[in-house]
Amino acid sequence: MEAKGKIHIVLAYRGEKENADKFLDEQKLILSESEDEAQADKNETDDINQDETQESNQEVGEKLEEDSNEE
């Protein structure tokens, strides 16, 4: 799946009314777990990107300092 893709799912229940509430509760549970996992993945990616940006900024700062010391 692409990094920016979205997953779409449809759950259908064709049973008796008595069982419909059980099905809907299970559906809500599955969908909330999926949302939690997606948010956790996004947070992890954001953390990695932030770390990489900080490292890059530090390297640039060190290079600028070296260049100014050479002059």
C-alpha atoms as a PDB file:
ATOM      1  CA  MET A   1       0.000   0.000   0.000  1.00  0.00           C
ATOM      2  CA  GLU A   2       1.177   3.486  -0.706  1.00  0.00           C
ATOM      3  CA  ALA A   3       2.405   5.589   2.185  1.00  0.00           C
ATOM      4  CA  LYS A   4      -0.387   8.114   1.759  1.00  0.00           C
ATOM      5  CA  GLY A   5      -3.082   5.604   0.857  1.00  0.00           C
ATOM      6  CA  LYS A   6      -6.249   5.115   2.840  1.00  0.00           C
ATOM      7  CA  ILE A   7      -7.827   1.803   3.630  1.00  0.00           C
ATOM      8  CA  HIS A   8     -11.559   1.547   3.071  1.00  0.00           C
ATOM      9  CA  ILE A   9     -13.583  -1.337   4.402  1.00  0.00           C
ATOM     10  CA  VAL A  10     -17.245  -2.216   4.419  1.00  0.00           C
ATOM     11  CA  LEU A  11     -18.752  -4.773   6.745  1.00  0.00           C
ATOM     12  CA  ALA A  12     -22.229  -6.081   5.982  1.00  0.00           C
ATOM     13  CA  TYR A  13     -24.546  -8.047   8.233  1.00  0.00           C
ATOM     14  CA  ARG A  14     -27.534  -9.877   6.869  1.00  0.00           C
ATOM     15  CA  GLY A  15     -28.921 -11.538   9.939  1.00  0.00           C
ATOM     16  CA  GLU A  16     -31.618 -11.205  12.544  1.00  0.00           C
ATOM     17  CA  LYS A  17     -32.200  -7.970  14.461  1.00  0.00           C
ATOM     18  CA  GLU A  18     -31.228  -9.692  17.722  1.00  0.00           C
ATOM     19  CA  ASN A  19     -27.704 -10.307  16.454  1.00  0.00           C
ATOM     20  CA  ALA A  20     -27.292  -6.956  14.728  1.00  0.00           C
ATOM     21  CA  ASP A  21     -26.208  -5.174  17.932  1.00  0.00           C
ATOM     22  CA  LYS A  22     -23.515  -7.800  18.568  1.00  0.00           C
ATOM     23  CA  PHE A  23     -22.276  -7.324  15.026  1.00  0.00           C
ATOM     24  CA  LEU A  24     -22.247  -3.533  15.320  1.00  0.00           C
ATOM     25  CA  ASP A  25     -20.303  -3.690  18.599  1.00  0.00           C
ATOM     26  CA  GLU A  26     -17.709  -5.955  16.985  1.00  0.00           C
ATOM     27  CA  GLN A  27     -17.542  -3.660  13.967  1.00  0.00           C
ATOM     28  CA  LYS A  28     -16.886  -0.639  16.184  1.00  0.00           C
ATOM     29  CA  LEU A  29     -14.125  -2.538  17.992  1.00  0.00           C
ATOM     30  CA  ILE A  30     -12.415  -3.559  14.756  1.00  0.00           C
ATOM     31  CA  LEU A  31     -12.617  -0.064  13.291  1.00  0.00           C
ATOM     32  CA  SER A  32     -11.297   1.599  16.450  1.00  0.00           C
ATOM     33  CA  GLU A  33      -8.350  -0.832  16.570  1.00  0.00           C
ATOM     34  CA  SER A  34      -7.582  -0.024  12.955  1.00  0.00           C
ATOM     35  CA  GLU A  35      -7.670   3.718  13.674  1.00  0.00           C
ATOM     36  CA  ASP A  36      -5.413   3.262  16.715  1.00  0.00           C
ATOM     37  CA  GLU A  37      -2.876   1.327  14.644  1.00  0.00           C
ATOM     38  CA  ALA A  38      -2.931   3.949  11.892  1.00  0.00           C
ATOM     39  CA  GLN A  39      -2.355   6.723  14.427  1.00  0.00           C
ATOM     40  CA  ALA A  40       0.503   4.797  16.038  1.00  0.00           C
ATOM     41  CA  ASP A  41       2.134   4.323  12.620  1.00  0.00           C
ATOM     42  CA  LYS A  42       1.752   8.029  11.876  1.00  0.00           C
ATOM     43  CA  ASN A  43       3.257   8.981  15.236  1.00  0.00           C
ATOM     44  CA  GLU A  44       6.221   6.673  14.647  1.00  0.00           C
ATOM     45  CA  THR A  45       6.821   8.170  11.198  1.00  0.00           C
ATOM     46  CA  ASP A  46       6.571  11.696  12.613  1.00  0.00           C
ATOM     47  CA  ASP A  47       9.121  10.831  15.326  1.00  0.00           C
ATOM     48  CA  ILE A  48      11.545   9.413  12.769  1.00  0.00           C
ATOM     49  CA  ASN A  49      11.180  12.466  10.539  1.00  0.00           C
ATOM     50  CA  GLN A  50      11.723  14.791  13.486  1.00  0.00           C
ATOM     51  CA  ASP A  51      14.876  12.904  14.521  1.00  0.00           C
ATOM     52  CA  GLU A  52      16.244  13.027  10.977  1.00  0.00           C
ATOM     53  CA  THR A  53      15.555  16.768  10.745  1.00  0.00           C
ATOM     54  CA  GLN A  54      17.309  17.418  14.058  1.00  0.00           C
ATOM     55  CA  GLU A  55      20.333  15.385  12.967  1.00  0.00           C
ATOM     56  CA  SER A  56      20.485  17.231   9.661  1.00  0.00           C
ATOM     57  CA  ASN A  57      20.226  20.613  11.395  1.00  0.00           C
ATOM     58  CA  GLN A  58      23.015  19.620  13.768  1.00  0.00           C
ATOM     59  CA  GLU A  59      25.252  18.569  10.868  1.00  0.00           C
ATOM     60  CA  VAL A  60      24.618  21.856   9.072  1.00  0.00           C
ATOM     61  CA  GLY A  61      25.381  23.792  12.257  1.00  0.00           C
ATOM     62  CA  GLU A  62      28.631  21.901  12.733  1.00  0.00           C
ATOM     63  CA  LYS A  63      29.619  22.509   9.108  1.00  0.00           C
ATOM     64  CA  LEU A  64      28.916  26.236   9.428  1.00  0.00           C
ATOM     65  CA  GLU A  65      30.987  26.354  12.605  1.00  0.00           C
ATOM     66  CA  GLU A  66      33.881  24.564  10.873  1.00  0.00           C
ATOM     67  CA  ASP A  67      33.688  26.958   7.925  1.00  0.00           C
ATOM     68  CA  SER A  68      33.706  30.030  10.167  1.00  0.00           C
ATOM     69  CA  ASN A  69      36.713  28.668  12.120  1.00  0.00           C
ATOM     70  CA  GLU A  70      38.662  28.187   8.883  1.00  0.00           C
ATOM     71  CA  GLU A  71      38.292  31.861   7.973  1.00  0.00           C
END
